[in-house]
Amino acid sequence: MSPFTYDDGAYRATWTEYEIIAFAAMIRATIAVIQNAATSDKVRQKLLPPSSKDDAVALEFSRLAGTQIEDAKLQNLEQFGLTLVQNLSESSDGGLTEVVIPENEVKVALQALTAVRVYLGAKLEIETDEDSEILFNLLQLAADNLEESDNSLAESNLAREQQMFLASIFFASGFVQESLLEALTSGR
């Protein structure tokens, strides 16, 4: 995965097809939580926090705004997901693919990336920078020890692998977001 650069009216980076598919899966998972999870779901609450600590104010805001915030998040996620999937080649050979985000869609992409990071942060129970640092160190340790593993599919190993997969997408989405912002603010 390369950082984004600006060229000829669009932001461009090189990703593997696997990276595009992994991001698309996280976008779908984020959409599913927004659409289907109970309002009491912790992950959904992180994605759609109350507008105020005062319950009466939050309820009134919700009544007036309706589902506009939810609809906007869903629209951003769907648009970014389509943009990513459109970049997949038809051969699907797992090779490198240029990801192109048109200039007029960069804000949508950034907002969708924020929602994905919030979703993953909530799933991974990241509350502080220290939590993030600990998880990053665990991810590095897991990568360093990958060759030494016995590749058993014990339940605890599978859960750990799933957590490491989510963590890798969490940190990759941070890289993508940062490089896209850098390309946006560097004067193109």
N, C-alpha and C. Protein backbone atom coordinates (compact mmCIF):
# COMPACT_ATOMS: atom_id res chain seq x y z
N MET A 1 0.85 -1.16 0.00
CA MET A 1 0.00 0.00 0.00
C MET A 1 0.90 1.23 0.00
N SER A 2 0.74 2.04 -1.02
CA SER A 2 1.55 3.25 -1.10
C SER A 2 0.74 4.44 -0.59
N PRO A 3 1.41 5.51 -0.21
CA PRO A 3 0.68 6.70 0.21
C PRO A 3 0.00 7.37 -0.99
N PHE A 4 -1.04 8.13 -0.71
CA PHE A 4 -1.73 8.86 -1.77
C PHE A 4 -0.92 10.06 -2.22
N THR A 5 -0.99 10.33 -3.50
CA THR A 5 -0.43 11.54 -4.08
C THR A 5 -1.51 12.14 -4.97
N TYR A 6 -1.37 13.43 -5.23
CA TYR A 6 -2.34 14.11 -6.09
C TYR A 6 -1.77 14.21 -7.49
N ASP A 7 -2.58 13.84 -8.49
CA ASP A 7 -2.14 13.93 -9.87
C ASP A 7 -3.35 14.02 -10.79
N ASP A 8 -3.37 15.04 -11.61
CA ASP A 8 -4.37 15.16 -12.67
C ASP A 8 -5.82 15.05 -12.17
N GLY A 9 -6.14 15.82 -11.11
CA GLY A 9 -7.52 15.89 -10.64
C GLY A 9 -7.97 14.74 -9.75
N ALA A 10 -7.03 13.92 -9.29
CA ALA A 10 -7.42 12.78 -8.44
C ALA A 10 -6.29 12.45 -7.48
N TYR A 11 -6.66 11.73 -6.44
CA TYR A 11 -5.70 11.22 -5.45
C TYR A 11 -5.46 9.76 -5.79
N ARG A 12 -4.18 9.39 -5.87
CA ARG A 12 -3.83 8.06 -6.35
C ARG A 12 -2.87 7.35 -5.40
N ALA A 13 -3.09 6.06 -5.25
CA ALA A 13 -2.21 5.20 -4.46
C ALA A 13 -2.23 3.82 -5.09
N THR A 14 -1.28 3.00 -4.72
CA THR A 14 -1.22 1.63 -5.21
C THR A 14 -1.50 0.69 -4.04
N TRP A 15 -2.51 -0.14 -4.21
CA TRP A 15 -2.88 -1.13 -3.20
C TRP A 15 -2.89 -2.50 -3.86
N THR A 16 -2.83 -3.52 -3.02
CA THR A 16 -3.07 -4.87 -3.55
C THR A 16 -4.58 -5.06 -3.61
N GLU A 17 -4.99 -5.99 -4.42
CA GLU A 17 -6.42 -6.28 -4.50
C GLU A 17 -6.93 -6.79 -3.16
N TYR A 18 -6.09 -7.52 -2.43
CA TYR A 18 -6.48 -8.01 -1.11
C TYR A 18 -6.79 -6.83 -0.17
N GLU A 19 -5.97 -5.78 -0.24
CA GLU A 19 -6.20 -4.60 0.62
C GLU A 19 -7.52 -3.93 0.27
N ILE A 20 -7.83 -3.84 -1.01
CA ILE A 20 -9.11 -3.25 -1.43
C ILE A 20 -10.27 -4.09 -0.90
N ILE A 21 -10.16 -5.39 -1.03
CA ILE A 21 -11.22 -6.29 -0.57
C ILE A 21 -11.37 -6.21 0.95
N ALA A 22 -10.25 -6.15 1.68
CA ALA A 22 -10.31 -6.05 3.15
C ALA A 22 -10.99 -4.75 3.57
N PHE A 23 -10.65 -3.65 2.92
CA PHE A 23 -11.29 -2.38 3.25
C PHE A 23 -12.78 -2.42 2.91
N ALA A 24 -13.12 -2.99 1.77
CA ALA A 24 -14.52 -3.10 1.38
C ALA A 24 -15.30 -3.93 2.42
N ALA A 25 -14.68 -4.98 2.94
CA ALA A 25 -15.34 -5.79 3.97
C ALA A 25 -15.58 -4.99 5.24
N MET A 26 -14.61 -4.17 5.63
CA MET A 26 -14.79 -3.34 6.84
C MET A 26 -15.84 -2.26 6.61
N ILE A 27 -15.92 -1.76 5.40
CA ILE A 27 -16.97 -0.78 5.07
C ILE A 27 -18.33 -1.45 5.19
N ARG A 28 -18.47 -2.65 4.64
CA ARG A 28 -19.74 -3.38 4.75
C ARG A 28 -20.10 -3.66 6.20
N ALA A 29 -19.11 -4.03 7.01
CA ALA A 29 -19.36 -4.31 8.43
C ALA A 29 -19.80 -3.05 9.16
N THR A 30 -19.19 -1.91 8.82
CA THR A 30 -19.56 -0.65 9.45
C THR A 30 -20.99 -0.27 9.07
N ILE A 31 -21.32 -0.43 7.80
CA ILE A 31 -22.68 -0.15 7.33
C ILE A 31 -23.68 -1.04 8.06
N ALA A 32 -23.36 -2.32 8.20
CA ALA A 32 -24.27 -3.27 8.85
C ALA A 32 -24.56 -2.86 10.30
N VAL A 33 -23.54 -2.40 11.01
CA VAL A 33 -23.76 -1.97 12.40
C VAL A 33 -24.68 -0.75 12.43
N ILE A 34 -24.44 0.20 11.56
CA ILE A 34 -25.28 1.41 11.54
C ILE A 34 -26.72 1.04 11.21
N GLN A 35 -26.92 0.16 10.25
CA GLN A 35 -28.26 -0.19 9.80
C GLN A 35 -28.99 -1.17 10.72
N ASN A 36 -28.26 -2.10 11.31
CA ASN A 36 -28.93 -3.23 11.97
C ASN A 36 -28.75 -3.36 13.47
N ALA A 37 -27.72 -2.73 14.02
CA ALA A 37 -27.45 -2.93 15.45
C ALA A 37 -28.45 -2.15 16.29
N ALA A 38 -28.73 -2.69 17.47
CA ALA A 38 -29.62 -1.99 18.41
C ALA A 38 -28.97 -0.68 18.83
N THR A 39 -29.78 0.29 19.17
CA THR A 39 -29.23 1.59 19.58
C THR A 39 -28.37 1.45 20.83
N SER A 40 -28.54 0.39 21.59
CA SER A 40 -27.74 0.17 22.79
C SER A 40 -26.40 -0.51 22.49
N ASP A 41 -26.19 -0.95 21.25
CA ASP A 41 -24.94 -1.60 20.87
C ASP A 41 -23.78 -0.63 21.04
N LYS A 42 -22.71 -1.08 21.71
CA LYS A 42 -21.57 -0.20 22.02
C LYS A 42 -20.87 0.32 20.76
N VAL A 43 -20.74 -0.53 19.77
CA VAL A 43 -20.07 -0.11 18.53
C VAL A 43 -20.94 0.93 17.82
N ARG A 44 -22.24 0.68 17.75
CA ARG A 44 -23.15 1.65 17.11
C ARG A 44 -23.15 2.98 17.85
N GLN A 45 -23.07 2.93 19.17
CA GLN A 45 -23.02 4.16 19.96
C GLN A 45 -21.77 4.96 19.67
N LYS A 46 -20.65 4.28 19.38
CA LYS A 46 -19.41 4.99 19.01
C LYS A 46 -19.56 5.63 17.63
N LEU A 47 -20.23 4.93 16.73
CA LEU A 47 -20.42 5.46 15.39
C LEU A 47 -21.44 6.60 15.35
N LEU A 48 -22.45 6.51 16.19
CA LEU A 48 -23.52 7.52 16.24
C LEU A 48 -23.74 7.96 17.68
N PRO A 49 -22.79 8.69 18.22
CA PRO A 49 -22.91 9.10 19.63
C PRO A 49 -24.05 10.11 19.81
N PRO A 50 -24.59 10.21 21.03
CA PRO A 50 -25.63 11.21 21.27
C PRO A 50 -25.06 12.62 21.06
N SER A 51 -25.92 13.52 20.65
CA SER A 51 -25.47 14.89 20.34
C SER A 51 -25.21 15.71 21.59
N SER A 52 -25.64 15.21 22.74
CA SER A 52 -25.46 15.95 23.99
C SER A 52 -25.45 14.97 25.15
N LYS A 53 -24.79 15.37 26.23
CA LYS A 53 -24.81 14.55 27.44
C LYS A 53 -26.17 14.67 28.13
N ASP A 54 -26.86 15.74 27.85
CA ASP A 54 -28.20 15.95 28.38
C ASP A 54 -29.18 15.13 27.55
N ASP A 55 -29.83 14.14 28.18
CA ASP A 55 -30.72 13.24 27.45
C ASP A 55 -31.85 13.98 26.74
N ALA A 56 -32.41 15.00 27.37
CA ALA A 56 -33.52 15.75 26.76
C ALA A 56 -33.05 16.48 25.50
N VAL A 57 -31.87 17.08 25.58
CA VAL A 57 -31.32 17.80 24.42
C VAL A 57 -31.01 16.80 23.31
N ALA A 58 -30.41 15.67 23.65
CA ALA A 58 -30.07 14.65 22.66
C ALA A 58 -31.33 14.11 21.99
N LEU A 59 -32.38 13.90 22.75
CA LEU A 59 -33.64 13.40 22.21
C LEU A 59 -34.26 14.42 21.26
N GLU A 60 -34.24 15.69 21.65
CA GLU A 60 -34.80 16.75 20.81
C GLU A 60 -34.00 16.89 19.51
N PHE A 61 -32.68 16.85 19.61
CA PHE A 61 -31.84 16.92 18.42
C PHE A 61 -32.15 15.76 17.49
N SER A 62 -32.29 14.57 18.05
CA SER A 62 -32.60 13.38 17.27
C SER A 62 -33.95 13.54 16.58
N ARG A 63 -34.92 14.12 17.29
CA ARG A 63 -36.25 14.33 16.72
C ARG A 63 -36.19 15.31 15.54
N LEU A 64 -35.41 16.39 15.71
CA LEU A 64 -35.32 17.41 14.67
C LEU A 64 -34.46 16.98 13.48
N ALA A 65 -33.36 16.34 13.77
CA ALA A 65 -32.43 15.96 12.70
C ALA A 65 -32.84 14.66 12.03
N GLY A 66 -33.72 13.92 12.70
CA GLY A 66 -34.14 12.64 12.13
C GLY A 66 -32.95 11.72 11.93
N THR A 67 -32.86 11.14 10.78
CA THR A 67 -31.78 10.21 10.50
C THR A 67 -30.73 10.82 9.57
N GLN A 68 -30.67 12.15 9.50
CA GLN A 68 -29.76 12.81 8.56
C GLN A 68 -28.29 12.43 8.78
N ILE A 69 -27.86 12.40 10.04
CA ILE A 69 -26.47 12.05 10.33
C ILE A 69 -26.20 10.60 9.95
N GLU A 70 -27.11 9.73 10.34
CA GLU A 70 -26.97 8.31 9.99
C GLU A 70 -26.96 8.12 8.47
N ASP A 71 -27.88 8.79 7.78
CA ASP A 71 -27.95 8.68 6.33
C ASP A 71 -26.68 9.20 5.67
N ALA A 72 -26.13 10.29 6.18
CA ALA A 72 -24.90 10.85 5.61
C ALA A 72 -23.73 9.89 5.80
N LYS A 73 -23.62 9.28 6.97
CA LYS A 73 -22.54 8.30 7.21
C LYS A 73 -22.69 7.12 6.26
N LEU A 74 -23.90 6.62 6.12
CA LEU A 74 -24.13 5.49 5.23
C LEU A 74 -23.81 5.84 3.79
N GLN A 75 -24.22 7.03 3.36
CA GLN A 75 -23.95 7.46 1.99
C GLN A 75 -22.44 7.58 1.75
N ASN A 76 -21.70 8.15 2.70
CA ASN A 76 -20.25 8.28 2.56
C ASN A 76 -19.58 6.91 2.48
N LEU A 77 -19.99 6.00 3.36
CA LEU A 77 -19.42 4.66 3.36
C LEU A 77 -19.70 3.93 2.05
N GLU A 78 -20.96 4.01 1.58
CA GLU A 78 -21.33 3.35 0.34
C GLU A 78 -20.56 3.92 -0.85
N GLN A 79 -20.43 5.25 -0.91
CA GLN A 79 -19.71 5.88 -2.01
C GLN A 79 -18.24 5.49 -2.01
N PHE A 80 -17.61 5.52 -0.85
CA PHE A 80 -16.19 5.15 -0.77
C PHE A 80 -16.01 3.68 -1.11
N GLY A 81 -16.91 2.84 -0.63
CA GLY A 81 -16.84 1.42 -0.96
C GLY A 81 -16.94 1.19 -2.47
N LEU A 82 -17.85 1.89 -3.12
CA LEU A 82 -17.98 1.78 -4.58
C LEU A 82 -16.72 2.27 -5.29
N THR A 83 -16.17 3.37 -4.80
CA THR A 83 -14.93 3.90 -5.38
C THR A 83 -13.82 2.87 -5.30
N LEU A 84 -13.67 2.24 -4.14
CA LEU A 84 -12.63 1.22 -3.98
C LEU A 84 -12.85 0.03 -4.90
N VAL A 85 -14.07 -0.48 -4.93
CA VAL A 85 -14.36 -1.68 -5.70
C VAL A 85 -14.23 -1.40 -7.20
N GLN A 86 -14.54 -0.18 -7.63
CA GLN A 86 -14.39 0.17 -9.04
C GLN A 86 -12.93 0.11 -9.48
N ASN A 87 -12.02 0.21 -8.52
CA ASN A 87 -10.60 0.16 -8.84
C ASN A 87 -10.07 -1.26 -9.02
N LEU A 88 -10.86 -2.25 -8.65
CA LEU A 88 -10.42 -3.64 -8.82
C LEU A 88 -10.35 -3.98 -10.30
N SER A 89 -9.31 -4.67 -10.68
CA SER A 89 -9.21 -5.08 -12.07
C SER A 89 -10.12 -6.28 -12.30
N GLU A 90 -10.45 -6.51 -13.53
CA GLU A 90 -11.33 -7.63 -13.84
C GLU A 90 -10.61 -8.96 -13.72
N SER A 91 -9.29 -8.95 -13.81
CA SER A 91 -8.54 -10.21 -13.76
C SER A 91 -8.51 -10.81 -12.37
N SER A 92 -8.57 -9.96 -11.35
CA SER A 92 -8.60 -10.41 -9.96
C SER A 92 -7.46 -11.39 -9.66
N ASP A 93 -6.26 -11.04 -10.11
CA ASP A 93 -5.12 -11.92 -9.91
C ASP A 93 -4.36 -11.63 -8.62
N GLY A 94 -4.86 -10.72 -7.80
CA GLY A 94 -4.22 -10.42 -6.53
C GLY A 94 -3.08 -9.43 -6.63
N GLY A 95 -2.87 -8.88 -7.81
CA GLY A 95 -1.75 -7.97 -8.02
C GLY A 95 -2.02 -6.56 -7.53
N LEU A 96 -1.11 -5.67 -7.88
CA LEU A 96 -1.22 -4.27 -7.49
C LEU A 96 -2.24 -3.55 -8.36
N THR A 97 -2.97 -2.66 -7.74
CA THR A 97 -4.01 -1.91 -8.41
C THR A 97 -3.90 -0.45 -8.01
N GLU A 98 -4.10 0.44 -8.97
CA GLU A 98 -4.12 1.85 -8.64
C GLU A 98 -5.49 2.21 -8.09
N VAL A 99 -5.50 2.77 -6.88
CA VAL A 99 -6.73 3.27 -6.28
C VAL A 99 -6.81 4.75 -6.61
N VAL A 100 -7.91 5.14 -7.23
CA VAL A 100 -8.09 6.53 -7.67
C VAL A 100 -9.31 7.11 -6.98
N ILE A 101 -9.08 8.19 -6.25
CA ILE A 101 -10.18 8.92 -5.61
C ILE A 101 -10.27 10.28 -6.28
N PRO A 102 -11.35 10.51 -7.04
CA PRO A 102 -11.51 11.81 -7.70
C PRO A 102 -11.49 12.95 -6.67
N GLU A 103 -10.99 14.07 -7.09
CA GLU A 103 -10.85 15.23 -6.21
C GLU A 103 -12.17 15.58 -5.51
N ASN A 104 -13.28 15.47 -6.23
CA ASN A 104 -14.57 15.83 -5.64
C ASN A 104 -15.10 14.78 -4.66
N GLU A 105 -14.40 13.65 -4.50
CA GLU A 105 -14.84 12.60 -3.57
C GLU A 105 -13.91 12.44 -2.38
N VAL A 106 -12.89 13.29 -2.27
CA VAL A 106 -11.90 13.12 -1.20
C VAL A 106 -12.53 13.33 0.18
N LYS A 107 -13.44 14.27 0.31
CA LYS A 107 -14.08 14.51 1.61
C LYS A 107 -14.92 13.30 2.02
N VAL A 108 -15.62 12.73 1.08
CA VAL A 108 -16.41 11.52 1.33
C VAL A 108 -15.50 10.38 1.80
N ALA A 109 -14.36 10.23 1.11
CA ALA A 109 -13.41 9.16 1.47
C ALA A 109 -12.88 9.37 2.89
N LEU A 110 -12.52 10.59 3.22
CA LEU A 110 -11.99 10.87 4.56
C LEU A 110 -13.04 10.61 5.64
N GLN A 111 -14.28 11.00 5.38
CA GLN A 111 -15.34 10.77 6.37
C GLN A 111 -15.64 9.27 6.50
N ALA A 112 -15.60 8.55 5.40
CA ALA A 112 -15.82 7.10 5.46
C ALA A 112 -14.68 6.41 6.21
N LEU A 113 -13.45 6.84 5.96
CA LEU A 113 -12.31 6.28 6.68
C LEU A 113 -12.42 6.53 8.17
N THR A 114 -12.91 7.71 8.54
CA THR A 114 -13.11 8.00 9.96
C THR A 114 -14.12 7.04 10.56
N ALA A 115 -15.22 6.80 9.87
CA ALA A 115 -16.25 5.88 10.36
C ALA A 115 -15.68 4.46 10.50
N VAL A 116 -14.89 4.02 9.53
CA VAL A 116 -14.29 2.68 9.60
C VAL A 116 -13.34 2.59 10.79
N ARG A 117 -12.54 3.64 11.01
CA ARG A 117 -11.61 3.63 12.15
C ARG A 117 -12.37 3.64 13.48
N VAL A 118 -13.47 4.37 13.55
CA VAL A 118 -14.28 4.37 14.77
C VAL A 118 -14.86 2.98 14.99
N TYR A 119 -15.38 2.37 13.93
CA TYR A 119 -15.93 1.02 14.02
C TYR A 119 -14.86 0.04 14.54
N LEU A 120 -13.69 0.06 13.89
CA LEU A 120 -12.63 -0.87 14.29
C LEU A 120 -12.12 -0.57 15.69
N GLY A 121 -11.97 0.71 16.02
CA GLY A 121 -11.53 1.09 17.36
C GLY A 121 -12.49 0.58 18.43
N ALA A 122 -13.79 0.67 18.13
CA ALA A 122 -14.79 0.17 19.08
C ALA A 122 -14.74 -1.35 19.18
N LYS A 123 -14.61 -2.03 18.05
CA LYS A 123 -14.52 -3.50 18.06
C LYS A 123 -13.29 -3.97 18.82
N LEU A 124 -12.20 -3.22 18.70
CA LEU A 124 -10.94 -3.59 19.35
C LEU A 124 -10.82 -3.01 20.76
N GLU A 125 -11.84 -2.26 21.16
CA GLU A 125 -11.91 -1.63 22.49
C GLU A 125 -10.73 -0.67 22.73
N ILE A 126 -10.40 0.10 21.70
CA ILE A 126 -9.36 1.12 21.82
C ILE A 126 -10.01 2.39 22.35
N GLU A 127 -9.59 2.78 23.54
CA GLU A 127 -10.15 3.98 24.17
C GLU A 127 -9.13 5.11 24.29
N THR A 128 -7.85 4.76 24.33
CA THR A 128 -6.80 5.76 24.54
C THR A 128 -5.66 5.54 23.56
N ASP A 129 -4.78 6.51 23.49
CA ASP A 129 -3.57 6.36 22.67
C ASP A 129 -2.73 5.19 23.18
N GLU A 130 -2.73 5.00 24.49
CA GLU A 130 -1.97 3.89 25.08
C GLU A 130 -2.53 2.55 24.61
N ASP A 131 -3.86 2.43 24.55
CA ASP A 131 -4.48 1.20 24.03
C ASP A 131 -4.02 0.94 22.60
N SER A 132 -3.99 2.00 21.81
CA SER A 132 -3.58 1.89 20.42
C SER A 132 -2.11 1.46 20.32
N GLU A 133 -1.28 2.02 21.14
CA GLU A 133 0.15 1.69 21.13
C GLU A 133 0.37 0.23 21.54
N ILE A 134 -0.34 -0.20 22.57
CA ILE A 134 -0.23 -1.60 23.01
C ILE A 134 -0.65 -2.54 21.90
N LEU A 135 -1.76 -2.22 21.24
CA LEU A 135 -2.24 -3.06 20.15
C LEU A 135 -1.25 -3.08 18.98
N PHE A 136 -0.68 -1.94 18.67
CA PHE A 136 0.32 -1.87 17.60
C PHE A 136 1.52 -2.75 17.93
N ASN A 137 1.98 -2.69 19.17
CA ASN A 137 3.12 -3.53 19.59
C ASN A 137 2.77 -5.01 19.50
N LEU A 138 1.54 -5.37 19.89
CA LEU A 138 1.10 -6.77 19.79
C LEU A 138 1.04 -7.22 18.33
N LEU A 139 0.59 -6.32 17.47
CA LEU A 139 0.50 -6.64 16.05
C LEU A 139 1.90 -6.86 15.47
N GLN A 140 2.85 -6.01 15.85
CA GLN A 140 4.23 -6.20 15.39
C GLN A 140 4.81 -7.51 15.91
N LEU A 141 4.54 -7.82 17.17
CA LEU A 141 5.04 -9.06 17.75
C LEU A 141 4.43 -10.27 17.03
N ALA A 142 3.15 -10.19 16.74
CA ALA A 142 2.49 -11.29 16.02
C ALA A 142 3.09 -11.47 14.63
N ALA A 143 3.38 -10.37 13.95
CA ALA A 143 3.99 -10.44 12.62
C ALA A 143 5.39 -11.03 12.71
N ASP A 144 6.14 -10.63 13.72
CA ASP A 144 7.50 -11.14 13.90
C ASP A 144 7.50 -12.64 14.19
N ASN A 145 6.47 -13.11 14.88
CA ASN A 145 6.40 -14.52 15.27
C ASN A 145 5.58 -15.38 14.33
N LEU A 146 5.13 -14.81 13.22
CA LEU A 146 4.26 -15.52 12.30
C LEU A 146 4.89 -16.81 11.80
N GLU A 147 6.15 -16.76 11.46
CA GLU A 147 6.81 -17.96 10.94
C GLU A 147 7.00 -19.03 11.99
N GLU A 148 7.02 -18.63 13.26
CA GLU A 148 7.25 -19.59 14.34
C GLU A 148 5.97 -20.26 14.82
N SER A 149 4.81 -19.80 14.35
CA SER A 149 3.56 -20.37 14.83
C SER A 149 3.36 -21.77 14.28
N ASP A 150 2.56 -22.55 14.99
CA ASP A 150 2.31 -23.92 14.55
C ASP A 150 1.10 -24.01 13.63
N ASN A 151 0.52 -22.85 13.29
CA ASN A 151 -0.62 -22.77 12.38
C ASN A 151 -1.83 -23.59 12.83
N SER A 152 -1.94 -23.86 14.11
CA SER A 152 -3.11 -24.58 14.59
C SER A 152 -4.30 -23.65 14.57
N LEU A 153 -5.48 -24.21 14.42
CA LEU A 153 -6.69 -23.41 14.36
C LEU A 153 -7.48 -23.53 15.66
N ALA A 154 -6.77 -23.58 16.75
CA ALA A 154 -7.45 -23.60 18.05
C ALA A 154 -8.29 -22.35 18.16
N GLU A 155 -9.38 -22.46 18.90
CA GLU A 155 -10.33 -21.34 19.01
C GLU A 155 -9.68 -20.06 19.49
N SER A 156 -8.79 -20.15 20.45
CA SER A 156 -8.14 -18.94 20.96
C SER A 156 -7.21 -18.34 19.92
N ASN A 157 -6.54 -19.19 19.13
CA ASN A 157 -5.68 -18.69 18.07
C ASN A 157 -6.50 -18.01 16.98
N LEU A 158 -7.65 -18.59 16.65
CA LEU A 158 -8.51 -18.02 15.63
C LEU A 158 -9.02 -16.65 16.08
N ALA A 159 -9.45 -16.54 17.32
CA ALA A 159 -9.91 -15.25 17.85
C ALA A 159 -8.78 -14.23 17.82
N ARG A 160 -7.58 -14.68 18.16
CA ARG A 160 -6.42 -13.79 18.15
C ARG A 160 -6.10 -13.34 16.73
N GLU A 161 -6.20 -14.27 15.78
CA GLU A 161 -5.95 -13.92 14.37
C GLU A 161 -6.98 -12.92 13.87
N GLN A 162 -8.24 -13.09 14.27
CA GLN A 162 -9.28 -12.14 13.87
C GLN A 162 -9.00 -10.76 14.45
N GLN A 163 -8.58 -10.72 15.71
CA GLN A 163 -8.24 -9.45 16.34
C GLN A 163 -7.06 -8.80 15.62
N MET A 164 -6.06 -9.57 15.26
CA MET A 164 -4.90 -9.03 14.56
C MET A 164 -5.28 -8.53 13.16
N PHE A 165 -6.22 -9.24 12.51
CA PHE A 165 -6.70 -8.78 11.20
C PHE A 165 -7.38 -7.42 11.34
N LEU A 166 -8.28 -7.30 12.32
CA LEU A 166 -8.96 -6.02 12.55
C LEU A 166 -7.96 -4.93 12.91
N ALA A 167 -6.98 -5.28 13.70
CA ALA A 167 -5.95 -4.30 14.09
C ALA A 167 -5.15 -3.85 12.88
N SER A 168 -4.81 -4.78 12.01
CA SER A 168 -4.03 -4.40 10.82
C SER A 168 -4.83 -3.45 9.93
N ILE A 169 -6.13 -3.68 9.79
CA ILE A 169 -6.97 -2.77 8.99
C ILE A 169 -7.11 -1.44 9.72
N PHE A 170 -7.21 -1.46 11.04
CA PHE A 170 -7.29 -0.22 11.81
C PHE A 170 -6.06 0.66 11.55
N PHE A 171 -4.88 0.07 11.64
CA PHE A 171 -3.65 0.85 11.44
C PHE A 171 -3.46 1.22 9.96
N ALA A 172 -3.85 0.34 9.06
CA ALA A 172 -3.76 0.65 7.64
C ALA A 172 -4.70 1.80 7.29
N SER A 173 -5.89 1.82 7.87
CA SER A 173 -6.82 2.91 7.59
C SER A 173 -6.30 4.23 8.13
N GLY A 174 -5.57 4.19 9.23
CA GLY A 174 -4.92 5.40 9.74
C GLY A 174 -3.86 5.90 8.77
N PHE A 175 -3.07 4.97 8.22
CA PHE A 175 -2.07 5.33 7.22
C PHE A 175 -2.73 5.94 5.98
N VAL A 176 -3.80 5.32 5.51
CA VAL A 176 -4.50 5.81 4.32
C VAL A 176 -5.05 7.21 4.59
N GLN A 177 -5.70 7.37 5.73
CA GLN A 177 -6.28 8.66 6.10
C GLN A 177 -5.20 9.74 6.18
N GLU A 178 -4.11 9.42 6.82
CA GLU A 178 -3.00 10.37 6.99
C GLU A 178 -2.38 10.74 5.64
N SER A 179 -2.17 9.77 4.78
CA SER A 179 -1.55 10.07 3.49
C SER A 179 -2.50 10.85 2.59
N LEU A 180 -3.79 10.57 2.68
CA LEU A 180 -4.79 11.30 1.90
C LEU A 180 -4.86 12.76 2.38
N LEU A 181 -4.84 12.95 3.69
CA LEU A 181 -4.83 14.32 4.24
C LEU A 181 -3.56 15.05 3.84
N GLU A 182 -2.44 14.36 3.88
CA GLU A 182 -1.16 14.96 3.48
C GLU A 182 -1.20 15.41 2.03
N ALA A 183 -1.72 14.55 1.17
CA ALA A 183 -1.82 14.91 -0.25
C ALA A 183 -2.78 16.08 -0.46
N LEU A 184 -3.84 16.11 0.32
CA LEU A 184 -4.84 17.18 0.23
C LEU A 184 -4.28 18.51 0.69
N THR A 185 -3.52 18.50 1.77
CA THR A 185 -3.04 19.75 2.35
C THR A 185 -1.68 20.20 1.83
N SER A 186 -1.01 19.37 1.06
CA SER A 186 0.33 19.74 0.59
C SER A 186 0.29 20.65 -0.63
N GLY A 187 -0.88 21.14 -0.94
CA GLY A 187 -1.00 22.05 -2.06
C GLY A 187 -1.06 21.34 -3.39
N ARG A 188 -1.26 20.04 -3.32
CA ARG A 188 -1.39 19.19 -4.50
C ARG A 188 -0.16 19.32 -5.28
